[in-house]
């Protein structure tokens, strides 16, 4: 997946590759690996439904998949527990380990189907599946087997629900220097009431417009809207057919000149690492719409943020980040955040599936790759430390 993403990220044409893969599949219909590659290619070409159909076909043939990068005989053996879904619905573990001496095996688990009694040989396992309604049963199944897991099992399913939007506010409540607006999960009927003039305080005492709404299960800003008036709510409902929404107060995080700054921080074994900084003139801001490549001034600011993280952002919010890591209790996860005018850490969301990669041009973004290499090295070191298995280790038996 990482190689295919890199090709698309660099503007490469995936259509000829898709034709090659389709021909290969026609010649060997039982080739599950080709179906999984087609799953990714189709999604990158804008056909998510077709991609997921290919994935379903592949998973009916086999559940184990291994990236093609080389690994030594002493490589750490990592088992990633994945869930069916789109390219952003699992931890981007290939990006984290692609250039490391790690033998990665992905085991796809299907909700409602038993976890295999015999597992691939591994030194350490990690739950890579996202916390979602679709994965709830699957994660419960993993957790029920966790006490008997033959090797260390990281990112335990019992902790992942703390990252759900409606629970994270409560999980982190009371940490000094942290601001996270409460998030309500509401049915469509609740927004219809707001559109009809009912005050937001009827949903939660103290809640008022403006509000941010997004469909439950959406990612990457799909369906994300701001409601300043009841008319905005009505217009939003007309454009979005979802049955359930996440609703939270809007907090203006703009700085001088109305400029917004949004940060991605990844946590590895409780230690914070900078991932990127997006700068733009709109509140609905992500790295992909910040157009950082078009502004040397923006890149200089991101450079200062990333290279000076330990003495700057990381120092200012060090106590808050440490307290958050302790409360959540996962070995690997991340946050999207900002700073308020008062200097507090404003949290938008937390997830184990936030994109973290080193695909940006080293000529345009010379500061990005060294920072990401530090993150990747920390992730591998965490896996090795948690595994308790030296690099040239002994027995690797894994049977439940």
Protein backbone atom coordinates (compact mmCIF):
# COMPACT_ATOMS: atom_id res chain seq x y z
CA UNK A 1 0.00 0.00 0.00
CA UNK A 2 2.79 2.46 0.85
CA UNK A 3 4.38 2.08 -2.60
CA UNK A 4 1.05 2.59 -4.36
CA UNK A 5 0.31 5.67 -2.27
CA UNK A 6 3.75 7.09 -3.07
CA UNK A 7 3.15 6.65 -6.80
CA UNK A 8 -0.18 8.46 -6.57
CA UNK A 9 1.24 11.13 -4.23
CA UNK A 10 3.97 11.93 -6.76
CA UNK A 11 1.39 12.34 -9.52
CA UNK A 12 2.06 9.02 -11.20
CA UNK A 13 -0.57 7.47 -13.44
CA UNK A 14 -1.96 4.33 -11.79
CA UNK A 15 -4.15 3.38 -14.76
CA UNK A 16 -1.44 1.42 -16.64
CA UNK A 17 -0.62 -0.44 -13.42
CA UNK A 18 -4.29 -1.19 -12.93
CA UNK A 19 -4.43 -2.69 -16.41
CA UNK A 20 -1.43 -4.90 -15.61
CA UNK A 21 -3.01 -6.04 -12.33
CA UNK A 22 -6.34 -6.74 -14.02
CA UNK A 23 -4.59 -8.88 -16.67
CA UNK A 24 -2.67 -10.73 -13.98
CA UNK A 25 -5.90 -11.41 -12.10
CA UNK A 26 -7.61 -12.67 -15.26
CA UNK A 27 -4.77 -15.16 -15.71
CA UNK A 28 -4.76 -16.19 -12.03
CA UNK A 29 -8.21 -15.60 -10.46
CA UNK A 30 -7.12 -17.12 -7.13
CA UNK A 31 -4.33 -14.55 -6.66
CA UNK A 32 -5.54 -12.80 -3.50
CA UNK A 33 -2.54 -10.47 -3.34
CA UNK A 34 -3.36 -9.02 -6.76
CA UNK A 35 -6.94 -8.46 -5.64
CA UNK A 36 -5.70 -6.56 -2.58
CA UNK A 37 -3.41 -4.41 -4.73
CA UNK A 38 -6.36 -3.68 -7.00
CA UNK A 39 -8.38 -2.76 -3.93
CA UNK A 40 -5.90 0.01 -3.11
CA UNK A 41 -5.43 1.14 -6.72
CA UNK A 42 -9.18 1.41 -7.32
CA UNK A 43 -9.62 3.54 -4.19
CA UNK A 44 -6.74 5.81 -5.20
CA UNK A 45 -8.34 6.17 -8.64
CA UNK A 46 -11.60 7.32 -7.05
CA UNK A 47 -13.57 4.08 -7.02
CA UNK A 48 -13.98 3.17 -3.33
CA UNK A 49 -16.91 0.81 -3.96
CA UNK A 50 -14.94 -1.13 -6.57
CA UNK A 51 -11.92 -1.25 -4.28
CA UNK A 52 -13.90 -2.64 -1.37
CA UNK A 53 -15.46 -5.24 -3.64
CA UNK A 54 -11.95 -6.40 -4.59
CA UNK A 55 -11.01 -6.50 -0.92
CA UNK A 56 -14.01 -8.67 -0.08
CA UNK A 57 -13.07 -11.08 -2.85
CA UNK A 58 -9.48 -11.21 -1.59
CA UNK A 59 -10.49 -11.85 2.01
CA UNK A 60 -12.68 -14.75 0.96
CA UNK A 61 -9.52 -16.31 -0.49
CA UNK A 62 -7.12 -15.58 2.35
CA UNK A 63 -6.68 -13.34 5.40
CA UNK A 64 -2.89 -13.00 5.66
CA UNK A 65 -0.90 -10.43 3.64
CA UNK A 66 2.74 -9.37 3.77
CA UNK A 67 4.39 -6.29 2.20
CA UNK A 68 7.11 -6.96 -0.33
CA UNK A 69 10.01 -5.10 1.30
CA UNK A 70 13.05 -7.22 2.30
CA UNK A 71 13.79 -8.13 5.93
CA UNK A 72 16.78 -9.88 7.49
CA UNK A 73 16.63 -13.15 9.41
CA UNK A 74 16.93 -11.09 12.58
CA UNK A 75 13.99 -8.85 11.69
CA UNK A 76 11.36 -8.20 14.32
CA UNK A 77 8.18 -10.07 13.44
CA UNK A 78 5.14 -7.84 13.79
CA UNK A 79 1.54 -9.02 13.45
CA UNK A 80 -0.94 -6.23 12.62
CA UNK A 81 -4.60 -7.01 13.33
CA UNK A 82 -6.57 -5.28 10.58
CA UNK A 83 -10.24 -4.79 9.76
CA UNK A 84 -11.92 -4.75 6.35
CA UNK A 85 -12.47 -1.22 5.09
CA UNK A 86 -11.05 1.69 3.16
CA UNK A 87 -7.42 2.73 2.92
CA UNK A 88 -7.77 5.06 5.92
CA UNK A 89 -9.62 2.64 8.20
CA UNK A 90 -6.56 0.94 9.68
CA UNK A 91 -3.35 2.21 11.23
CA UNK A 92 -0.96 3.23 8.40
CA UNK A 93 1.58 0.76 9.72
CA UNK A 94 3.29 0.16 6.35
CA UNK A 95 4.31 3.83 6.26
CA UNK A 96 5.72 3.53 9.78
CA UNK A 97 7.77 0.39 9.10
CA UNK A 98 8.50 0.36 5.36
CA UNK A 99 12.24 1.07 5.66
CA UNK A 100 12.81 -0.73 8.97
CA UNK A 101 14.18 -4.23 9.51
CA UNK A 102 10.74 -5.59 10.34
CA UNK A 103 8.81 -8.54 8.94
CA UNK A 104 5.25 -7.28 8.93
CA UNK A 105 2.26 -9.56 8.48
CA UNK A 106 -1.29 -8.20 8.29
CA UNK A 107 -4.05 -10.47 9.53
CA UNK A 108 -7.50 -9.30 8.45
CA UNK A 109 -10.25 -10.21 10.90
CA UNK A 110 -13.91 -10.18 9.97
CA UNK A 111 -16.52 -9.19 12.58
CA UNK A 112 -18.48 -12.19 13.77
CA UNK A 113 -15.95 -14.73 12.53
CA UNK A 114 -13.66 -16.48 14.99
CA UNK A 115 -10.07 -15.35 15.38
CA UNK A 116 -7.82 -18.15 14.07
CA UNK A 117 -6.58 -20.46 16.81
CA UNK A 118 -3.19 -20.74 15.10
CA UNK A 119 -1.58 -17.40 14.42
CA UNK A 120 1.41 -16.49 12.24
CA UNK A 121 4.73 -16.54 14.08
CA UNK A 122 5.32 -13.10 15.60
CA UNK A 123 7.23 -11.33 18.35
CA UNK A 124 4.66 -8.63 18.99
CA UNK A 125 1.11 -7.92 17.83
CA UNK A 126 -0.69 -4.59 17.50
CA UNK A 127 -4.34 -3.78 16.95
CA UNK A 128 -4.35 -1.72 13.75
CA UNK A 129 -8.12 -1.61 13.23
CA UNK A 130 -9.87 1.70 13.77
CA UNK A 131 -12.39 2.22 16.55
CA UNK A 132 -15.74 2.47 14.76
CA UNK A 133 -19.26 1.14 14.92
CA UNK A 134 -18.43 -1.33 12.15
CA UNK A 135 -15.43 -2.68 14.10
CA UNK A 136 -16.98 -2.77 17.56
CA UNK A 137 -17.73 -6.52 17.52
CA UNK A 138 -14.33 -7.33 16.00
CA UNK A 139 -12.52 -5.35 18.69
CA UNK A 140 -14.55 -7.05 21.42
CA UNK A 141 -13.49 -10.39 19.98
CA UNK A 142 -9.83 -9.38 20.06
CA UNK A 143 -10.12 -8.18 23.64
CA UNK A 144 -11.77 -11.43 24.73
CA UNK A 145 -8.68 -13.30 23.47
CA UNK A 146 -6.16 -10.77 24.77
CA UNK A 147 -5.42 -12.48 28.13
CA UNK A 148 -4.31 -15.65 26.31
CA UNK A 149 -2.41 -13.91 23.51
CA UNK A 150 0.96 -15.68 23.09
CA UNK A 151 2.98 -12.48 22.62
CA UNK A 152 2.63 -8.85 23.79
CA UNK A 153 -0.51 -7.32 22.31
CA UNK A 154 -0.36 -3.53 21.87
CA UNK A 155 -3.07 -0.90 21.43
CA UNK A 156 -5.50 -3.06 23.36
CA UNK A 157 -9.09 -2.92 22.16
CA UNK A 158 -10.27 -2.03 25.67
CA UNK A 159 -8.52 1.37 25.38
CA UNK A 160 -9.51 2.28 21.82
CA UNK A 161 -13.07 3.44 22.68
CA UNK A 162 -11.51 6.32 24.63
CA UNK A 163 -10.66 7.88 21.25
CA UNK A 164 -14.25 7.96 20.05
CA UNK A 165 -15.39 11.56 19.66
CA UNK A 166 -18.19 11.26 22.19
CA UNK A 167 -15.89 9.70 24.82
CA UNK A 168 -12.57 11.48 24.39
CA UNK A 169 -13.91 14.70 25.96
CA UNK A 170 -14.77 12.80 29.14
CA UNK A 171 -11.54 10.78 29.12
CA UNK A 172 -9.39 13.94 29.08
CA UNK A 173 -11.60 16.18 31.22
CA UNK A 174 -9.80 18.19 33.87
CA UNK A 175 -6.28 18.07 32.40
CA UNK A 176 -4.76 21.54 32.94
CA UNK A 177 -4.05 23.39 29.70
CA UNK A 178 -6.30 21.16 27.56
CA UNK A 179 -9.48 22.34 25.87
CA UNK A 180 -11.73 19.89 24.07
CA UNK A 181 -15.31 20.86 23.30
CA UNK A 182 -17.88 18.22 24.26
CA UNK A 183 -19.08 16.09 21.38
CA UNK A 184 -22.64 14.78 21.27
CA UNK A 185 -23.77 11.91 19.10
CA UNK A 186 -27.26 12.84 18.03
CA UNK A 187 -29.92 11.46 15.67
CA UNK A 188 -31.02 13.42 12.64
CA UNK A 189 -34.19 14.38 14.48
CA UNK A 190 -32.13 16.46 16.93
CA UNK A 191 -30.76 18.59 14.11
CA UNK A 192 -34.23 18.89 12.65
CA UNK A 193 -35.26 20.38 15.99
CA UNK A 194 -32.43 22.91 15.78
CA UNK A 195 -33.46 23.78 12.24
CA UNK A 196 -36.94 24.43 13.58
CA UNK A 197 -35.69 26.95 16.12
CA UNK A 198 -35.12 24.82 19.24
CA UNK A 199 -32.15 26.14 21.23
CA UNK A 200 -28.97 24.03 21.25
CA UNK A 201 -29.09 24.11 25.04
CA UNK A 202 -31.97 21.65 24.85
CA UNK A 203 -29.46 19.04 23.62
CA UNK A 204 -26.86 19.82 26.28
CA UNK A 205 -27.00 22.55 28.93
CA UNK A 206 -24.77 25.45 27.93
CA UNK A 207 -24.44 24.40 24.30
CA UNK A 208 -25.11 27.18 21.79
CA UNK A 209 -24.51 28.15 18.19
CA UNK A 210 -22.15 28.17 16.37
CA UNK A 211 -21.82 24.39 16.20
CA UNK A 212 -19.77 21.96 14.16
CA UNK A 213 -21.53 18.91 12.72
CA UNK A 214 -20.28 15.85 10.86
CA UNK A 215 -21.93 12.54 9.90
CA UNK A 216 -21.04 9.65 12.20
CA UNK A 217 -18.46 7.46 10.46
CA UNK A 218 -17.18 10.17 8.11
CA UNK A 219 -13.47 10.87 7.68
CA UNK A 220 -11.28 13.55 6.17
CA UNK A 221 -13.84 16.29 6.60
CA UNK A 222 -16.56 14.68 4.48
CA UNK A 223 -19.84 16.33 5.43
CA UNK A 224 -18.21 18.63 7.99
CA UNK A 225 -20.19 21.88 8.32
CA UNK A 226 -20.55 24.82 10.68
CA UNK A 227 -23.95 26.00 11.82
CA UNK A 228 -24.15 29.67 12.75
CA UNK A 229 -27.94 29.91 12.45
CA UNK A 230 -31.01 27.67 12.33
CA UNK A 231 -31.12 28.29 8.58
CA UNK A 232 -27.61 26.82 8.31
CA UNK A 233 -28.83 23.67 10.06
CA UNK A 234 -31.71 23.32 7.62
CA UNK A 235 -29.38 23.78 4.65
CA UNK A 236 -26.93 21.27 6.07
CA UNK A 237 -29.63 18.64 6.51
CA UNK A 238 -30.81 19.19 2.96
CA UNK A 239 -27.31 18.43 1.67
CA UNK A 240 -26.52 15.47 3.96
CA UNK A 241 -28.76 12.37 4.29
CA UNK A 242 -26.92 10.82 7.28
CA UNK A 243 -29.02 9.37 10.10
CA UNK A 244 -26.61 10.31 12.91
CA UNK A 245 -24.24 13.21 13.51
CA UNK A 246 -21.49 14.32 15.83
CA UNK A 247 -22.20 17.80 17.17
CA UNK A 248 -19.79 20.04 19.07
CA UNK A 249 -19.34 23.75 19.83
CA UNK A 250 -17.17 25.72 17.41
CA UNK A 251 -14.12 27.33 19.01
CA UNK A 252 -12.43 30.01 16.95
CA UNK A 253 -8.75 29.07 16.88
CA UNK A 254 -7.62 31.73 14.42
CA UNK A 255 -4.53 33.77 15.18
CA UNK A 256 -3.45 37.25 14.10
CA UNK A 257 -4.84 38.23 10.71
CA UNK A 258 -7.44 35.47 10.85
CA UNK A 259 -4.87 32.75 10.09
CA UNK A 260 -5.55 29.23 11.36
CA UNK A 261 -2.86 26.77 12.43
CA UNK A 262 -3.56 23.09 12.90
CA UNK A 263 -1.05 20.55 14.21
CA UNK A 264 -0.77 16.77 14.03
CA UNK A 265 1.08 15.13 16.91
CA UNK A 266 1.75 11.39 17.17
CA UNK A 267 2.26 9.64 20.50
CA UNK A 268 4.65 6.68 20.78
CA UNK A 269 4.82 5.03 24.20
CA UNK A 270 3.77 8.34 25.80
CA UNK A 271 6.29 10.48 23.90
CA UNK A 272 5.04 13.19 21.51
CA UNK A 273 6.40 13.57 17.97
CA UNK A 274 5.48 16.31 15.45
CA UNK A 275 3.91 15.07 12.22
CA UNK A 276 2.90 18.24 10.39
CA UNK A 277 1.53 21.77 10.70
CA UNK A 278 -1.13 23.17 8.38
CA UNK A 279 -1.59 26.94 7.95
CA UNK A 280 -4.53 28.52 6.15
CA UNK A 281 -7.23 31.15 6.10
CA UNK A 282 -10.22 28.85 6.65
CA UNK A 283 -11.36 27.14 9.84
CA UNK A 284 -11.99 23.90 7.91
CA UNK A 285 -8.30 23.16 7.56
CA UNK A 286 -6.28 20.06 6.72
CA UNK A 287 -2.81 19.58 5.37
CA UNK A 288 -4.15 18.68 1.92
CA UNK A 289 -6.00 22.00 1.54
CA UNK A 290 -3.44 24.26 3.23
CA UNK A 291 -1.37 24.49 0.01
CA UNK A 292 1.87 24.53 1.98
CA UNK A 293 3.92 23.95 -1.17
CA UNK A 294 2.82 27.33 -2.54
CA UNK A 295 4.18 29.38 0.38
CA UNK A 296 7.80 29.55 1.50
CA UNK A 297 6.62 31.55 4.51
CA UNK A 298 4.27 28.76 5.63
CA UNK A 299 6.95 26.13 5.13
CA UNK A 300 9.42 28.18 7.19
CA UNK A 301 6.91 28.26 10.05
CA UNK A 302 6.28 24.52 9.77
CA UNK A 303 10.05 23.97 9.70
CA UNK A 304 10.45 25.93 12.94
CA UNK A 305 7.58 23.96 14.53
CA UNK A 306 9.02 20.57 13.62
CA UNK A 307 12.73 21.16 14.14
CA UNK A 308 12.17 23.17 17.31
CA UNK A 309 9.41 20.97 18.70
CA UNK A 310 11.17 19.89 21.90
CA UNK A 311 11.97 23.44 22.95
CA UNK A 312 8.81 25.01 21.52
CA UNK A 313 5.38 23.44 21.08
CA UNK A 314 6.38 20.23 22.85
CA UNK A 315 7.77 22.16 25.82
CA UNK A 316 4.74 24.47 26.10
CA UNK A 317 2.33 21.58 26.16
CA UNK A 318 4.58 18.87 27.57
CA UNK A 319 2.66 18.34 30.80
CA UNK A 320 -0.68 18.28 28.98
CA UNK A 321 0.56 15.80 26.36
CA UNK A 322 2.02 13.52 29.04
CA UNK A 323 -1.23 13.56 31.01
CA UNK A 324 -3.22 12.78 27.86
CA UNK A 325 -0.95 9.85 27.01
CA UNK A 326 -1.39 8.42 30.50
CA UNK A 327 -5.19 8.77 30.38
CA UNK A 328 -5.54 7.14 26.94
CA UNK A 329 -3.04 4.36 27.66
CA UNK A 330 -2.26 3.32 24.09
CA UNK A 331 1.21 2.59 22.74
CA UNK A 332 0.56 4.43 19.46
CA UNK A 333 -2.02 7.08 18.58
CA UNK A 334 -2.21 10.70 17.50
CA UNK A 335 -4.13 13.95 17.75
CA UNK A 336 -5.10 16.84 15.53
CA UNK A 337 -5.01 20.02 17.57
CA UNK A 338 -4.49 23.79 17.67
CA UNK A 339 -3.66 26.48 20.21
CA UNK A 340 -6.24 28.86 21.64
CA UNK A 341 -5.63 32.58 22.01
CA UNK A 342 -4.93 31.86 25.69
CA UNK A 343 -2.22 29.36 24.77
CA UNK A 344 -4.16 26.22 25.66
CA UNK A 345 -4.05 23.00 23.66
CA UNK A 346 -7.29 22.72 21.66
CA UNK A 347 -8.09 19.13 20.68
CA UNK A 348 -10.10 18.21 17.59
CA UNK A 349 -9.76 14.44 17.51
CA UNK A 350 -7.61 11.47 18.44
CA UNK A 351 -7.06 8.30 16.42
CA UNK A 352 -4.64 5.45 15.78
CA UNK A 353 -5.25 5.84 12.02
CA UNK A 354 -4.08 9.40 11.37
CA UNK A 355 -1.83 9.56 8.30
CA UNK A 356 1.88 9.76 9.09
CA UNK A 357 4.30 9.46 6.16
CA UNK A 358 7.53 10.70 4.61
CA UNK A 359 6.27 11.11 1.04
CA UNK A 360 6.71 14.90 0.80
CA UNK A 361 9.40 16.21 -1.53
CA UNK A 362 12.75 16.48 0.32
CA UNK A 363 13.60 19.46 -1.89
CA UNK A 364 10.42 21.35 -1.05
CA UNK A 365 10.16 20.12 2.56
CA UNK A 366 13.72 19.29 3.68
CA UNK A 367 12.71 19.33 7.35
CA UNK A 368 9.92 16.76 7.03
CA UNK A 369 11.84 13.55 6.35
CA UNK A 370 14.25 13.81 9.33
CA UNK A 371 11.31 14.43 11.66
CA UNK A 372 9.35 11.52 10.26
CA UNK A 373 12.38 9.25 10.42
CA UNK A 374 12.57 10.00 14.14
CA UNK A 375 8.92 9.02 14.48
CA UNK A 376 9.40 5.81 12.52
CA UNK A 377 12.52 4.88 14.51
CA UNK A 378 10.65 5.53 17.77
CA UNK A 379 7.78 3.31 16.61
CA UNK A 380 10.13 0.44 15.76
CA UNK A 381 12.03 0.89 19.03
CA UNK A 382 8.73 0.80 20.93
CA UNK A 383 7.74 -2.45 19.20
CA UNK A 384 11.11 -4.01 20.01
CA UNK A 385 10.98 -2.82 23.61
CA UNK A 386 7.44 -4.05 24.12
CA UNK A 387 8.19 -7.38 22.46
CA UNK A 388 10.93 -8.15 24.98
CA UNK A 389 12.63 -10.10 22.21
CA UNK A 390 16.20 -9.21 21.15
CA UNK A 391 16.79 -8.64 17.46
CA UNK A 392 18.40 -12.06 16.90
CA UNK A 393 15.92 -13.85 19.05
CA UNK A 394 14.86 -17.36 19.81
CA UNK A 395 11.53 -19.17 19.71
CA UNK A 396 8.58 -17.59 18.01
CA UNK A 397 5.61 -19.81 18.74
CA UNK A 398 2.17 -18.27 18.43
CA UNK A 399 -0.79 -20.51 19.03
CA UNK A 400 -3.87 -19.52 21.03
